[in-house]
């Protein structure tokens, strides 16, 4: 089960996505440190989902930045 669904990501603005990204990275770091100290994780499936969700958020942020750059470059040239 996804931590954040795609529909939820599309409803969030970039600032909310970045905030959620930092929270997930912190949570992943804590999980990794637990493994190092304790030797085993409480829920290894959760770590996999965290990494996938981080990748999804980064993909969404990059896609939005590309769309924004394209729309701005189209406005500057006046469209040909």
Protein backbone atom coordinates (compact mmCIF):
# COMPACT_ATOMS: atom_id res chain seq x y z
CA UNK A 1 0.00 0.00 0.00
CA UNK A 2 1.34 3.39 -1.00
CA UNK A 3 2.18 5.94 1.65
CA UNK A 4 0.89 8.72 -0.62
CA UNK A 5 -1.41 8.00 -3.51
CA UNK A 6 -0.86 9.59 -6.92
CA UNK A 7 -4.16 11.45 -6.69
CA UNK A 8 -3.12 12.96 -3.35
CA UNK A 9 0.22 14.03 -4.85
CA UNK A 10 -1.47 15.80 -7.74
CA UNK A 11 -3.68 17.72 -5.29
CA UNK A 12 -0.66 18.95 -3.27
CA UNK A 13 1.35 22.01 -4.22
CA UNK A 14 5.14 21.84 -4.57
CA UNK A 15 5.79 23.19 -1.07
CA UNK A 16 3.61 20.47 0.48
CA UNK A 17 5.37 17.82 -1.62
CA UNK A 18 8.79 19.06 -0.50
CA UNK A 19 7.67 19.05 3.14
CA UNK A 20 6.36 15.48 2.82
CA UNK A 21 9.59 14.50 1.05
CA UNK A 22 11.72 15.75 3.93
CA UNK A 23 9.49 13.93 6.43
CA UNK A 24 9.82 10.67 4.52
CA UNK A 25 13.60 11.04 4.20
CA UNK A 26 13.86 11.60 7.95
CA UNK A 27 11.65 8.59 8.67
CA UNK A 28 13.74 6.45 6.29
CA UNK A 29 16.95 7.57 8.00
CA UNK A 30 15.50 6.61 11.37
CA UNK A 31 14.48 3.19 10.04
CA UNK A 32 17.93 2.61 8.59
CA UNK A 33 19.61 3.61 11.84
CA UNK A 34 17.35 1.21 13.72
CA UNK A 35 18.56 -1.59 11.48
CA UNK A 36 22.19 -0.67 12.10
CA UNK A 37 21.80 -0.42 15.88
CA UNK A 38 19.25 -3.14 16.49
CA UNK A 39 20.14 -5.53 13.74
CA UNK A 40 16.61 -5.90 12.35
CA UNK A 41 13.80 -3.63 11.29
CA UNK A 42 10.32 -3.77 12.69
CA UNK A 43 8.79 -3.60 9.22
CA UNK A 44 11.02 -4.07 6.19
CA UNK A 45 8.11 -3.60 3.79
CA UNK A 46 7.65 -0.08 5.14
CA UNK A 47 11.22 0.83 4.17
CA UNK A 48 10.59 -0.33 0.61
CA UNK A 49 7.42 1.76 0.42
CA UNK A 50 9.23 4.80 1.83
CA UNK A 51 11.88 4.59 -0.86
CA UNK A 52 9.29 4.16 -3.61
CA UNK A 53 7.23 7.08 -2.32
CA UNK A 54 10.32 9.30 -2.16
CA UNK A 55 11.03 8.44 -5.80
CA UNK A 56 7.41 9.16 -6.79
CA UNK A 57 7.48 12.55 -5.08
CA UNK A 58 10.78 13.49 -6.74
CA UNK A 59 9.37 12.44 -10.11
CA UNK A 60 6.26 14.56 -9.60
CA UNK A 61 8.31 17.60 -8.52
CA UNK A 62 10.62 17.27 -11.53
CA UNK A 63 7.68 16.86 -13.92
CA UNK A 64 6.04 20.00 -12.55
CA UNK A 65 9.30 21.95 -12.88
CA UNK A 66 9.67 20.84 -16.50
CA UNK A 67 6.07 21.84 -17.28
CA UNK A 68 6.64 25.21 -15.61
CA UNK A 69 9.84 25.83 -17.58
CA UNK A 70 8.16 24.91 -20.86
CA UNK A 71 5.21 27.19 -20.20
CA UNK A 72 7.52 30.06 -19.24
CA UNK A 73 9.74 29.61 -22.29
CA UNK A 74 6.67 29.57 -24.54
CA UNK A 75 5.48 32.86 -23.07
CA UNK A 76 8.88 34.56 -23.49
CA UNK A 77 9.28 33.77 -27.17
CA UNK A 78 5.69 34.62 -27.98
CA UNK A 79 5.06 31.18 -29.43
CA UNK A 80 6.05 30.30 -32.95
